[in-house]
């Protein structure tokens, strides 16, 4: 008996070849896509982070400015805090002094007379002028306390400005501010009321 020969038609062979070629190129494209994705992840990991700059400035004032490479702002930050701290301490010292003097003059105890050191004119210590002196000490106490509280509020505001400054600088860290500013104008067609008009097209490039 003659053995039967199975002959694969040429068209089927071509279809199989195309399927194999498609599969191999598809896997190759998939591997290339994964490589590109990994590269994108690496690039995004090293981008300047406004969130990180904000956290740094919130934890330690001036650290966000260092992260943004604005080193010249660090002395301004600490100089501002040092100045505000000095005025807080000064106003608080005056407030405590006048508060003690006011407390001594209203307690009717002759042994507590710290208010005498604050009086430059001895005539103000006469019995008839004690009520006026008491009112003056109370007003001075309230004045220095108000000043101290205002400086404390100013310190909190300055702290917030330090954080906002670091965050804004971080957002503009990669912003292009080069001197390459050009102005181009070319004739161009325009449409107005379904009619073509000739005009000038202007474009800024920076």
N, C-alpha and C. Protein backbone atom coordinates (compact mmCIF):
# COMPACT_ATOMS: atom_id res chain seq x y z
N UNK A 1 0.84 -1.20 0.00
CA UNK A 1 0.00 0.00 0.00
C UNK A 1 0.87 1.25 0.00
N UNK A 2 0.42 2.22 -0.71
CA UNK A 2 1.15 3.48 -0.72
C UNK A 2 0.73 4.33 0.49
N UNK A 3 1.79 4.89 1.14
CA UNK A 3 1.49 5.76 2.30
C UNK A 3 0.99 7.11 1.80
N UNK A 4 0.00 7.64 2.54
CA UNK A 4 -0.57 8.92 2.14
C UNK A 4 0.34 10.06 2.59
N UNK A 5 0.55 11.00 1.75
CA UNK A 5 1.36 12.17 2.06
C UNK A 5 0.43 13.37 2.35
N UNK A 6 0.72 13.99 3.49
CA UNK A 6 -0.06 15.18 3.86
C UNK A 6 0.72 16.40 3.41
N UNK A 7 0.18 17.07 2.47
CA UNK A 7 0.84 18.27 1.92
C UNK A 7 0.14 19.50 2.49
N UNK A 8 0.93 20.35 3.14
CA UNK A 8 0.38 21.59 3.70
C UNK A 8 0.34 22.64 2.62
N UNK A 9 -0.81 23.16 2.33
CA UNK A 9 -0.91 24.19 1.30
C UNK A 9 -0.05 25.40 1.65
N UNK A 10 0.40 26.07 0.61
CA UNK A 10 1.28 27.22 0.80
C UNK A 10 0.59 28.36 1.54
N UNK A 11 -0.72 28.54 1.29
CA UNK A 11 -1.42 29.64 1.95
C UNK A 11 -1.53 29.41 3.45
N UNK A 12 -1.75 28.18 3.88
CA UNK A 12 -1.80 27.89 5.31
C UNK A 12 -0.43 28.10 5.95
N UNK A 13 0.61 27.73 5.23
CA UNK A 13 1.95 27.94 5.75
C UNK A 13 2.24 29.42 5.94
N UNK A 14 1.77 30.23 5.03
CA UNK A 14 1.97 31.68 5.15
C UNK A 14 1.20 32.26 6.32
N UNK A 15 -0.04 31.75 6.57
CA UNK A 15 -0.82 32.23 7.70
C UNK A 15 -0.13 31.88 9.01
N UNK A 16 0.39 30.67 9.13
CA UNK A 16 1.10 30.25 10.35
C UNK A 16 2.33 31.12 10.58
N UNK A 17 3.03 31.44 9.50
CA UNK A 17 4.22 32.28 9.63
C UNK A 17 3.86 33.68 10.13
N UNK A 18 2.77 34.20 9.60
CA UNK A 18 2.34 35.54 10.04
C UNK A 18 1.92 35.54 11.51
N UNK A 19 1.25 34.47 11.97
CA UNK A 19 0.83 34.39 13.37
C UNK A 19 2.05 34.34 14.29
N UNK A 20 3.05 33.52 13.92
CA UNK A 20 4.27 33.42 14.72
C UNK A 20 4.99 34.77 14.75
N UNK A 21 5.06 35.44 13.61
CA UNK A 21 5.72 36.74 13.56
C UNK A 21 4.98 37.77 14.41
N UNK A 22 3.65 37.74 14.38
CA UNK A 22 2.85 38.67 15.18
C UNK A 22 3.07 38.46 16.67
N UNK A 23 3.09 37.17 17.07
CA UNK A 23 3.27 36.87 18.49
C UNK A 23 4.64 37.31 18.99
N UNK A 24 5.67 37.06 18.20
CA UNK A 24 7.02 37.43 18.63
C UNK A 24 7.18 38.95 18.71
N UNK A 25 6.65 39.67 17.72
CA UNK A 25 6.75 41.13 17.77
C UNK A 25 5.90 41.71 18.88
N UNK A 26 4.78 41.05 19.19
CA UNK A 26 3.93 41.52 20.28
C UNK A 26 4.63 41.40 21.62
N UNK A 27 5.29 40.25 21.85
CA UNK A 27 6.02 40.09 23.10
C UNK A 27 7.19 41.04 23.18
N UNK A 28 7.83 41.30 22.04
CA UNK A 28 8.94 42.24 22.03
C UNK A 28 8.46 43.65 22.38
N UNK A 29 7.32 44.05 21.82
CA UNK A 29 6.77 45.38 22.13
C UNK A 29 6.36 45.48 23.58
N UNK A 30 5.83 44.38 24.12
CA UNK A 30 5.42 44.39 25.53
C UNK A 30 6.63 44.58 26.44
N UNK A 31 7.74 43.90 26.10
CA UNK A 31 8.93 44.05 26.92
C UNK A 31 9.50 45.46 26.82
N UNK A 32 9.44 46.07 25.62
CA UNK A 32 9.91 47.43 25.49
C UNK A 32 9.04 48.41 26.27
N UNK A 33 7.75 48.17 26.30
CA UNK A 33 6.85 49.04 27.06
C UNK A 33 7.13 48.99 28.54
N UNK A 34 7.43 47.79 29.03
CA UNK A 34 7.72 47.66 30.45
C UNK A 34 9.01 48.38 30.80
N UNK A 35 10.00 48.37 29.87
CA UNK A 35 11.24 49.09 30.12
C UNK A 35 10.99 50.59 30.20
N UNK A 36 10.15 51.09 29.27
CA UNK A 36 9.84 52.51 29.30
C UNK A 36 9.11 52.91 30.57
N UNK A 37 8.21 52.02 31.01
CA UNK A 37 7.49 52.32 32.25
C UNK A 37 8.44 52.41 33.42
N UNK A 38 9.40 51.51 33.47
CA UNK A 38 10.34 51.54 34.59
C UNK A 38 11.19 52.80 34.55
N UNK A 39 11.52 53.27 33.33
CA UNK A 39 12.28 54.51 33.22
C UNK A 39 11.47 55.68 33.72
N UNK A 40 10.16 55.71 33.38
CA UNK A 40 9.30 56.81 33.84
C UNK A 40 9.20 56.82 35.36
N UNK A 41 9.13 55.67 35.97
CA UNK A 41 9.04 55.60 37.43
C UNK A 41 10.30 56.16 38.06
N UNK A 42 11.45 55.84 37.45
CA UNK A 42 12.70 56.35 38.00
C UNK A 42 12.78 57.87 37.88
N UNK A 43 12.29 58.41 36.75
CA UNK A 43 12.32 59.85 36.59
C UNK A 43 11.40 60.55 37.57
N UNK A 44 10.21 60.02 37.78
CA UNK A 44 9.27 60.65 38.71
C UNK A 44 9.76 60.57 40.14
N UNK A 45 10.60 59.57 40.45
CA UNK A 45 11.08 59.42 41.82
C UNK A 45 12.05 60.51 42.21
N UNK A 46 12.75 61.10 41.23
CA UNK A 46 13.75 62.10 41.54
C UNK A 46 13.24 63.52 41.29
N UNK A 47 11.96 63.68 40.99
CA UNK A 47 11.41 65.01 40.77
C UNK A 47 11.36 65.79 42.07
N UNK A 48 11.43 67.12 41.94
CA UNK A 48 11.38 67.99 43.11
C UNK A 48 9.97 67.97 43.68
N UNK A 49 9.85 67.70 44.97
CA UNK A 49 8.56 67.48 45.60
C UNK A 49 8.15 68.69 46.44
N UNK A 50 7.08 69.42 46.05
CA UNK A 50 6.57 70.51 46.90
C UNK A 50 6.08 70.00 48.25
N UNK A 51 5.52 68.80 48.28
CA UNK A 51 5.03 68.24 49.54
C UNK A 51 6.18 68.03 50.51
N UNK A 52 7.30 67.55 50.00
CA UNK A 52 8.46 67.33 50.87
C UNK A 52 9.01 68.65 51.38
N UNK A 53 9.06 69.67 50.53
CA UNK A 53 9.54 70.97 50.96
C UNK A 53 8.64 71.56 52.04
N UNK A 54 7.32 71.36 51.91
CA UNK A 54 6.38 71.86 52.91
C UNK A 54 6.58 71.16 54.25
N UNK A 55 6.75 69.85 54.22
CA UNK A 55 6.95 69.10 55.46
C UNK A 55 8.26 69.50 56.13
N UNK A 56 9.30 69.68 55.33
CA UNK A 56 10.60 70.07 55.89
C UNK A 56 10.51 71.41 56.61
N UNK A 57 9.84 72.38 55.99
CA UNK A 57 9.73 73.70 56.62
C UNK A 57 8.82 73.67 57.84
N UNK A 58 7.84 72.76 57.84
CA UNK A 58 6.96 72.66 59.01
C UNK A 58 7.70 72.03 60.19
N UNK A 59 8.55 71.06 59.91
CA UNK A 59 9.30 70.39 60.98
C UNK A 59 10.41 71.29 61.50
N UNK A 60 11.18 71.90 60.60
CA UNK A 60 12.29 72.78 60.98
C UNK A 60 12.32 73.97 60.03
N UNK A 61 11.96 75.16 60.50
CA UNK A 61 11.97 76.34 59.62
C UNK A 61 13.33 76.52 58.96
N UNK A 62 13.30 76.79 57.67
CA UNK A 62 14.53 76.97 56.91
C UNK A 62 14.98 75.72 56.18
N UNK A 63 14.55 74.55 56.64
CA UNK A 63 14.97 73.31 56.00
C UNK A 63 14.35 73.17 54.61
N UNK A 64 13.13 73.64 54.44
CA UNK A 64 12.50 73.61 53.13
C UNK A 64 13.23 74.51 52.14
N UNK A 65 13.71 75.66 52.61
CA UNK A 65 14.48 76.56 51.75
C UNK A 65 15.80 75.91 51.33
N UNK A 66 16.41 75.16 52.24
CA UNK A 66 17.64 74.44 51.89
C UNK A 66 17.32 73.37 50.85
N UNK A 67 16.21 72.69 51.00
CA UNK A 67 15.80 71.66 50.03
C UNK A 67 15.57 72.29 48.66
N UNK A 68 15.04 73.52 48.63
CA UNK A 68 14.81 74.22 47.37
C UNK A 68 16.06 74.91 46.83
N UNK A 69 17.17 74.79 47.57
CA UNK A 69 18.46 75.40 47.19
C UNK A 69 18.40 76.92 47.21
N UNK A 70 17.51 77.47 48.04
CA UNK A 70 17.46 78.91 48.26
C UNK A 70 18.16 79.20 49.60
N UNK A 71 19.49 79.00 49.58
CA UNK A 71 20.24 79.10 50.83
C UNK A 71 20.25 80.51 51.41
N UNK A 72 20.12 81.53 50.56
CA UNK A 72 20.17 82.90 51.04
C UNK A 72 18.96 83.26 51.89
N UNK A 73 17.90 82.46 51.82
CA UNK A 73 16.72 82.74 52.63
C UNK A 73 16.83 82.23 54.06
N UNK A 74 17.74 81.31 54.30
CA UNK A 74 17.86 80.70 55.64
C UNK A 74 18.23 81.75 56.69
N UNK A 75 19.24 82.63 56.46
CA UNK A 75 19.51 83.68 57.47
C UNK A 75 18.32 84.60 57.71
N UNK A 76 17.53 84.86 56.67
CA UNK A 76 16.35 85.71 56.85
C UNK A 76 15.32 85.03 57.75
N UNK A 77 15.15 83.72 57.55
CA UNK A 77 14.18 82.98 58.37
C UNK A 77 14.60 83.01 59.84
N UNK A 78 15.84 82.66 60.11
CA UNK A 78 16.28 82.60 61.50
C UNK A 78 16.48 83.98 62.10
N UNK A 79 16.83 84.97 61.26
CA UNK A 79 16.90 86.34 61.75
C UNK A 79 15.52 86.86 62.16
N UNK A 80 14.51 86.50 61.37
CA UNK A 80 13.14 86.89 61.73
C UNK A 80 12.68 86.26 63.02
N UNK A 81 12.94 84.96 63.17
CA UNK A 81 12.54 84.29 64.41
C UNK A 81 13.31 84.83 65.62
N UNK A 82 14.59 85.16 65.44
CA UNK A 82 15.39 85.70 66.55
C UNK A 82 14.85 87.07 66.98
N UNK A 83 14.49 87.90 65.99
CA UNK A 83 13.94 89.22 66.31
C UNK A 83 12.60 89.12 67.03
N UNK A 84 11.74 88.25 66.52
CA UNK A 84 10.43 88.07 67.15
C UNK A 84 10.59 87.49 68.55
N UNK A 85 11.53 86.56 68.71
CA UNK A 85 11.76 85.99 70.05
C UNK A 85 12.25 87.03 71.04
N UNK A 86 13.11 87.96 70.57
CA UNK A 86 13.59 89.02 71.44
C UNK A 86 12.44 89.90 71.92
N UNK A 87 11.56 90.29 71.01
CA UNK A 87 10.45 91.17 71.39
C UNK A 87 9.43 90.44 72.28
N UNK A 88 9.26 89.15 72.07
CA UNK A 88 8.38 88.39 72.96
C UNK A 88 8.95 88.41 74.38
N UNK A 89 10.24 88.16 74.50
CA UNK A 89 10.87 88.13 75.82
C UNK A 89 10.84 89.52 76.47
N UNK A 90 11.09 90.58 75.69
CA UNK A 90 11.10 91.92 76.25
C UNK A 90 9.72 92.33 76.74
N UNK A 91 8.70 92.14 75.91
CA UNK A 91 7.35 92.51 76.30
C UNK A 91 6.84 91.67 77.47
N UNK A 92 7.21 90.40 77.49
CA UNK A 92 6.78 89.55 78.60
C UNK A 92 7.45 89.98 79.91
N UNK A 93 8.71 90.39 79.84
CA UNK A 93 9.39 90.89 81.05
C UNK A 93 8.73 92.14 81.60
N UNK A 94 8.39 93.07 80.71
CA UNK A 94 7.71 94.29 81.16
C UNK A 94 6.32 93.97 81.73
N UNK A 95 5.64 93.05 81.08
CA UNK A 95 4.31 92.66 81.57
C UNK A 95 4.40 92.06 82.97
N UNK A 96 5.34 91.19 83.20
CA UNK A 96 5.48 90.56 84.53
C UNK A 96 5.84 91.60 85.59
N UNK A 97 6.66 92.57 85.21
CA UNK A 97 7.06 93.61 86.16
C UNK A 97 5.87 94.47 86.57
N UNK A 98 5.08 94.91 85.61
CA UNK A 98 3.94 95.76 85.96
C UNK A 98 2.79 94.95 86.58
N UNK A 99 2.71 93.68 86.23
CA UNK A 99 1.69 92.85 86.87
C UNK A 99 1.99 92.67 88.35
N UNK A 100 3.27 92.47 88.68
CA UNK A 100 3.66 92.34 90.09
C UNK A 100 3.44 93.65 90.84
N UNK A 101 3.77 94.78 90.19
CA UNK A 101 3.57 96.08 90.83
C UNK A 101 2.10 96.34 91.07
N UNK A 102 1.25 96.02 90.11
CA UNK A 102 -0.19 96.21 90.28
C UNK A 102 -0.74 95.29 91.38
N UNK A 103 -0.23 94.07 91.43
CA UNK A 103 -0.67 93.16 92.49
C UNK A 103 -0.26 93.66 93.86
N UNK A 104 0.94 94.26 93.96
CA UNK A 104 1.42 94.75 95.25
C UNK A 104 0.64 95.97 95.73
N UNK A 105 0.24 96.83 94.81
CA UNK A 105 -0.41 98.08 95.23
C UNK A 105 -1.87 97.86 95.63
N UNK A 106 -2.47 96.74 95.20
CA UNK A 106 -3.88 96.51 95.55
C UNK A 106 -4.04 95.50 96.69
N UNK A 107 -2.95 94.95 97.20
CA UNK A 107 -3.11 93.93 98.25
C UNK A 107 -3.08 94.52 99.66
N UNK A 108 -2.84 95.86 99.77
CA UNK A 108 -2.85 96.56 101.07
C UNK A 108 -1.85 95.96 102.06
N UNK A 109 -0.75 95.42 101.53
CA UNK A 109 0.31 94.88 102.38
C UNK A 109 1.52 95.79 102.27
N UNK A 110 1.91 96.51 103.34
CA UNK A 110 3.04 97.46 103.26
C UNK A 110 4.37 96.82 102.89
N UNK A 111 4.50 95.51 103.14
CA UNK A 111 5.78 94.85 102.83
C UNK A 111 5.97 94.57 101.34
N UNK A 112 4.90 94.62 100.57
CA UNK A 112 5.00 94.40 99.12
C UNK A 112 4.90 95.76 98.43
N UNK A 113 6.03 96.31 98.05
CA UNK A 113 6.07 97.66 97.49
C UNK A 113 6.96 97.74 96.25
N UNK A 114 6.85 96.74 95.40
CA UNK A 114 7.67 96.76 94.19
C UNK A 114 7.28 97.91 93.26
N UNK A 115 6.07 98.44 93.42
CA UNK A 115 5.62 99.54 92.56
C UNK A 115 6.38 100.82 92.84
N UNK A 116 7.01 100.93 94.04
CA UNK A 116 7.76 102.15 94.38
C UNK A 116 8.92 102.36 93.41
N UNK A 117 9.55 101.26 92.97
CA UNK A 117 10.69 101.36 92.05
C UNK A 117 10.28 101.89 90.68
N UNK A 118 9.01 101.80 90.35
CA UNK A 118 8.54 102.25 89.04
C UNK A 118 8.07 103.69 89.04
N UNK A 119 8.06 104.33 90.19
CA UNK A 119 7.59 105.70 90.32
C UNK A 119 8.78 106.63 90.39
N UNK A 120 8.89 107.54 89.43
CA UNK A 120 10.00 108.49 89.41
C UNK A 120 9.70 109.75 90.23
N UNK A 121 8.45 110.07 90.41
CA UNK A 121 8.04 111.26 91.16
C UNK A 121 7.47 110.81 92.50
N UNK A 122 8.13 111.14 93.62
CA UNK A 122 7.62 110.69 94.93
C UNK A 122 6.23 111.22 95.27
N UNK A 123 5.84 112.31 94.66
CA UNK A 123 4.53 112.88 94.97
C UNK A 123 3.39 111.96 94.52
N UNK A 124 3.68 111.04 93.61
CA UNK A 124 2.65 110.11 93.14
C UNK A 124 2.34 109.03 94.17
N UNK A 125 3.20 108.95 95.22
CA UNK A 125 2.98 107.94 96.26
C UNK A 125 2.12 108.48 97.40
N UNK A 126 1.66 109.71 97.28
CA UNK A 126 0.77 110.27 98.32
C UNK A 126 -0.56 109.53 98.29
N UNK A 127 -1.22 109.50 99.45
CA UNK A 127 -2.46 108.74 99.57
C UNK A 127 -3.54 109.22 98.62
N UNK A 128 -3.55 110.48 98.35
CA UNK A 128 -4.59 111.01 97.46
C UNK A 128 -4.38 110.62 96.00
N UNK A 129 -3.13 110.24 95.66
CA UNK A 129 -2.83 109.90 94.27
C UNK A 129 -2.62 108.40 94.06
N UNK A 130 -2.83 107.62 95.11
CA UNK A 130 -2.67 106.16 94.98
C UNK A 130 -3.68 105.57 93.98
N UNK A 131 -4.96 105.99 94.00
CA UNK A 131 -5.90 105.44 93.00
C UNK A 131 -5.46 105.72 91.56
N UNK A 132 -4.92 106.92 91.31
CA UNK A 132 -4.45 107.25 89.97
C UNK A 132 -3.24 106.39 89.59
N UNK A 133 -2.35 106.17 90.56
CA UNK A 133 -1.19 105.32 90.31
C UNK A 133 -1.62 103.87 90.05
N UNK A 134 -2.61 103.42 90.78
CA UNK A 134 -3.11 102.05 90.58
C UNK A 134 -3.67 101.87 89.17
N UNK A 135 -4.41 102.85 88.70
CA UNK A 135 -4.97 102.78 87.36
C UNK A 135 -3.86 102.81 86.29
N UNK A 136 -2.83 103.61 86.54
CA UNK A 136 -1.71 103.68 85.60
C UNK A 136 -0.98 102.34 85.51
N UNK A 137 -0.80 101.70 86.67
CA UNK A 137 -0.13 100.39 86.67
C UNK A 137 -0.97 99.34 85.96
N UNK A 138 -2.28 99.40 86.14
CA UNK A 138 -3.15 98.45 85.46
C UNK A 138 -3.11 98.64 83.95
N UNK A 139 -3.13 99.90 83.50
CA UNK A 139 -3.06 100.17 82.07
C UNK A 139 -1.72 99.73 81.47
N UNK A 140 -0.64 99.95 82.22
CA UNK A 140 0.68 99.53 81.73
C UNK A 140 0.76 98.01 81.64
N UNK A 141 0.19 97.33 82.63
CA UNK A 141 0.18 95.86 82.61
C UNK A 141 -0.57 95.33 81.39
N UNK A 142 -1.73 95.90 81.13
CA UNK A 142 -2.52 95.46 79.98
C UNK A 142 -1.83 95.80 78.66
N UNK A 143 -1.11 96.93 78.63
CA UNK A 143 -0.42 97.34 77.41
C UNK A 143 0.68 96.35 77.03
N UNK A 144 1.51 95.99 78.00
CA UNK A 144 2.61 95.08 77.70
C UNK A 144 2.12 93.66 77.42
N UNK A 145 1.03 93.27 78.05
CA UNK A 145 0.47 91.96 77.75
C UNK A 145 -0.07 91.91 76.33
N UNK A 146 -0.74 92.97 75.89
CA UNK A 146 -1.27 93.03 74.54
C UNK A 146 -0.13 93.01 73.50
N UNK A 147 0.93 93.76 73.79
CA UNK A 147 2.07 93.76 72.87
C UNK A 147 2.70 92.36 72.77
N UNK A 148 2.84 91.69 73.91
CA UNK A 148 3.41 90.34 73.90
C UNK A 148 2.55 89.39 73.08
N UNK A 149 1.25 89.46 73.25
CA UNK A 149 0.35 88.57 72.52
C UNK A 149 0.38 88.85 71.02
N UNK A 150 0.49 90.12 70.64
CA UNK A 150 0.56 90.47 69.22
C UNK A 150 1.84 89.94 68.58
N UNK A 151 2.95 90.01 69.31
CA UNK A 151 4.21 89.48 68.76
C UNK A 151 4.14 87.97 68.64
N UNK A 152 3.48 87.31 69.60
CA UNK A 152 3.31 85.85 69.50
C UNK A 152 2.50 85.49 68.26
N UNK A 153 1.43 86.24 68.01
CA UNK A 153 0.62 86.01 66.81
C UNK A 153 1.46 86.26 65.55
N UNK A 154 2.28 87.31 65.58
CA UNK A 154 3.16 87.59 64.46
C UNK A 154 4.16 86.47 64.21
N UNK A 155 4.63 85.84 65.28
CA UNK A 155 5.55 84.71 65.14
C UNK A 155 4.87 83.53 64.46
N UNK A 156 3.62 83.27 64.84
CA UNK A 156 2.87 82.18 64.20
C UNK A 156 2.66 82.48 62.71
N UNK A 157 2.35 83.73 62.39
CA UNK A 157 2.16 84.12 60.99
C UNK A 157 3.47 83.97 60.22
N UNK A 158 4.57 84.36 60.82
CA UNK A 158 5.88 84.24 60.17
C UNK A 158 6.24 82.78 59.93
N UNK A 159 5.88 81.93 60.87
CA UNK A 159 6.10 80.49 60.70
C UNK A 159 5.30 79.95 59.51
N UNK A 160 4.05 80.41 59.39
CA UNK A 160 3.22 79.98 58.26
C UNK A 160 3.77 80.51 56.94
N UNK A 161 4.27 81.74 56.93
CA UNK A 161 4.86 82.30 55.72
C UNK A 161 6.09 81.52 55.30
N UNK A 162 6.87 81.06 56.28
CA UNK A 162 8.04 80.24 55.99
C UNK A 162 7.63 78.95 55.27
N UNK A 163 6.54 78.33 55.69
CA UNK A 163 6.06 77.10 55.05
C UNK A 163 5.53 77.39 53.65
N UNK A 164 4.74 78.46 53.51
CA UNK A 164 4.17 78.82 52.21
C UNK A 164 5.28 79.16 51.21
N UNK A 165 6.30 79.88 51.68
CA UNK A 165 7.41 80.25 50.81
C UNK A 165 8.13 79.02 50.28
N UNK A 166 8.37 78.04 51.14
CA UNK A 166 9.04 76.81 50.70
C UNK A 166 8.18 76.05 49.70
N UNK A 167 6.88 76.00 49.93
CA UNK A 167 5.98 75.29 49.02
C UNK A 167 5.92 75.96 47.66
N UNK A 168 5.82 77.28 47.62
CA UNK A 168 5.75 78.00 46.34
C UNK A 168 7.06 77.86 45.57
N UNK A 169 8.18 77.99 46.26
CA UNK A 169 9.47 77.81 45.59
C UNK A 169 9.62 76.41 45.02
N UNK A 170 9.11 75.42 45.72
CA UNK A 170 9.20 74.04 45.22
C UNK A 170 8.35 73.85 43.97
N UNK A 171 7.18 74.50 43.92
CA UNK A 171 6.33 74.38 42.73
C UNK A 171 7.00 75.02 41.50
N UNK A 172 7.76 76.08 41.71
CA UNK A 172 8.42 76.77 40.60
C UNK A 172 9.88 76.34 40.43
N UNK A 173 10.27 75.25 41.07
CA UNK A 173 11.68 74.82 41.04
C UNK A 173 12.11 74.48 39.61
N UNK A 174 11.26 73.79 38.85
CA UNK A 174 11.59 73.37 37.48
C UNK A 174 11.02 74.31 36.42
N UNK A 175 10.56 75.47 36.84
CA UNK A 175 9.98 76.42 35.89
C UNK A 175 11.10 77.12 35.13
N UNK A 176 10.96 77.18 33.80
CA UNK A 176 11.99 77.76 32.95
C UNK A 176 11.87 79.28 32.96
N UNK A 177 12.88 79.94 33.51
CA UNK A 177 12.91 81.41 33.55
C UNK A 177 14.14 81.93 32.82
N UNK A 178 14.52 81.25 31.74
CA UNK A 178 15.69 81.66 30.99
C UNK A 178 15.40 82.95 30.23
N UNK A 179 16.50 83.54 29.69
CA UNK A 179 16.38 84.80 28.95
C UNK A 179 16.00 84.59 27.49
N UNK A 180 15.74 83.36 27.09
CA UNK A 180 15.41 83.05 25.71
C UNK A 180 13.94 83.38 25.44
N UNK A 181 13.66 84.67 25.26
CA UNK A 181 12.31 85.15 25.00
C UNK A 181 12.27 85.72 23.58
N UNK A 182 11.43 85.15 22.74
CA UNK A 182 11.34 85.60 21.36
C UNK A 182 9.90 85.96 21.02
N UNK A 183 9.77 86.83 20.03
CA UNK A 183 8.46 87.29 19.56
C UNK A 183 8.43 87.10 18.05
N UNK A 184 7.51 86.26 17.59
CA UNK A 184 7.39 85.97 16.17
C UNK A 184 6.03 86.43 15.66
N UNK A 185 6.03 87.05 14.48
CA UNK A 185 4.77 87.41 13.85
C UNK A 185 4.85 87.05 12.36
N UNK A 186 3.79 86.42 11.88
CA UNK A 186 3.71 85.96 10.49
C UNK A 186 2.30 86.23 9.97
N UNK A 187 2.16 86.47 8.68
CA UNK A 187 0.81 86.60 8.10
C UNK A 187 0.06 85.28 8.21
N UNK A 188 -1.22 85.35 8.47
CA UNK A 188 -2.02 84.14 8.62
C UNK A 188 -3.46 84.45 8.28
N UNK A 189 -4.18 83.47 7.71
CA UNK A 189 -5.60 83.68 7.40
C UNK A 189 -6.46 83.58 8.66
N UNK A 190 -7.54 84.34 8.69
CA UNK A 190 -8.47 84.32 9.81
C UNK A 190 -9.88 84.23 9.27
N UNK A 191 -10.77 83.68 10.09
CA UNK A 191 -12.17 83.54 9.70
C UNK A 191 -13.01 84.52 10.50
N UNK A 192 -13.81 85.31 9.81
CA UNK A 192 -14.71 86.26 10.45
C UNK A 192 -16.02 86.28 9.68
N UNK A 193 -17.09 85.88 10.34
CA UNK A 193 -18.41 85.83 9.71
C UNK A 193 -18.37 84.98 8.43
N UNK A 194 -17.71 83.82 8.53
CA UNK A 194 -17.57 82.88 7.41
C UNK A 194 -16.82 83.47 6.23
N UNK A 195 -16.07 84.52 6.46
CA UNK A 195 -15.26 85.12 5.41
C UNK A 195 -13.79 85.04 5.79
N UNK A 196 -12.97 84.71 4.85
CA UNK A 196 -11.54 84.63 5.08
C UNK A 196 -10.92 86.02 5.00
N UNK A 197 -10.14 86.35 6.05
CA UNK A 197 -9.45 87.62 6.08
C UNK A 197 -7.96 87.36 6.28
N UNK A 198 -7.17 88.33 5.92
CA UNK A 198 -5.72 88.24 6.09
C UNK A 198 -5.34 89.05 7.33
N UNK A 199 -4.60 88.40 8.24
CA UNK A 199 -4.19 89.08 9.46
C UNK A 199 -2.78 88.70 9.83
N UNK A 200 -2.39 89.08 11.03
CA UNK A 200 -1.04 88.80 11.54
C UNK A 200 -1.16 87.89 12.76
N UNK A 201 -0.41 86.83 12.76
CA UNK A 201 -0.40 85.87 13.86
C UNK A 201 0.85 86.12 14.70
N UNK A 202 0.66 86.45 15.98
CA UNK A 202 1.76 86.73 16.90
C UNK A 202 1.93 85.58 17.89
N UNK A 203 3.19 85.27 18.23
CA UNK A 203 3.47 84.17 19.14
C UNK A 203 4.70 84.50 19.98
N UNK A 204 4.54 84.37 21.32
CA UNK A 204 5.65 84.53 22.24
C UNK A 204 6.25 83.17 22.53
N UNK A 205 7.56 83.07 22.52
CA UNK A 205 8.24 81.82 22.84
C UNK A 205 9.25 82.10 23.96
N UNK A 206 9.11 81.37 25.07
CA UNK A 206 10.05 81.55 26.19
C UNK A 206 10.20 80.25 26.94
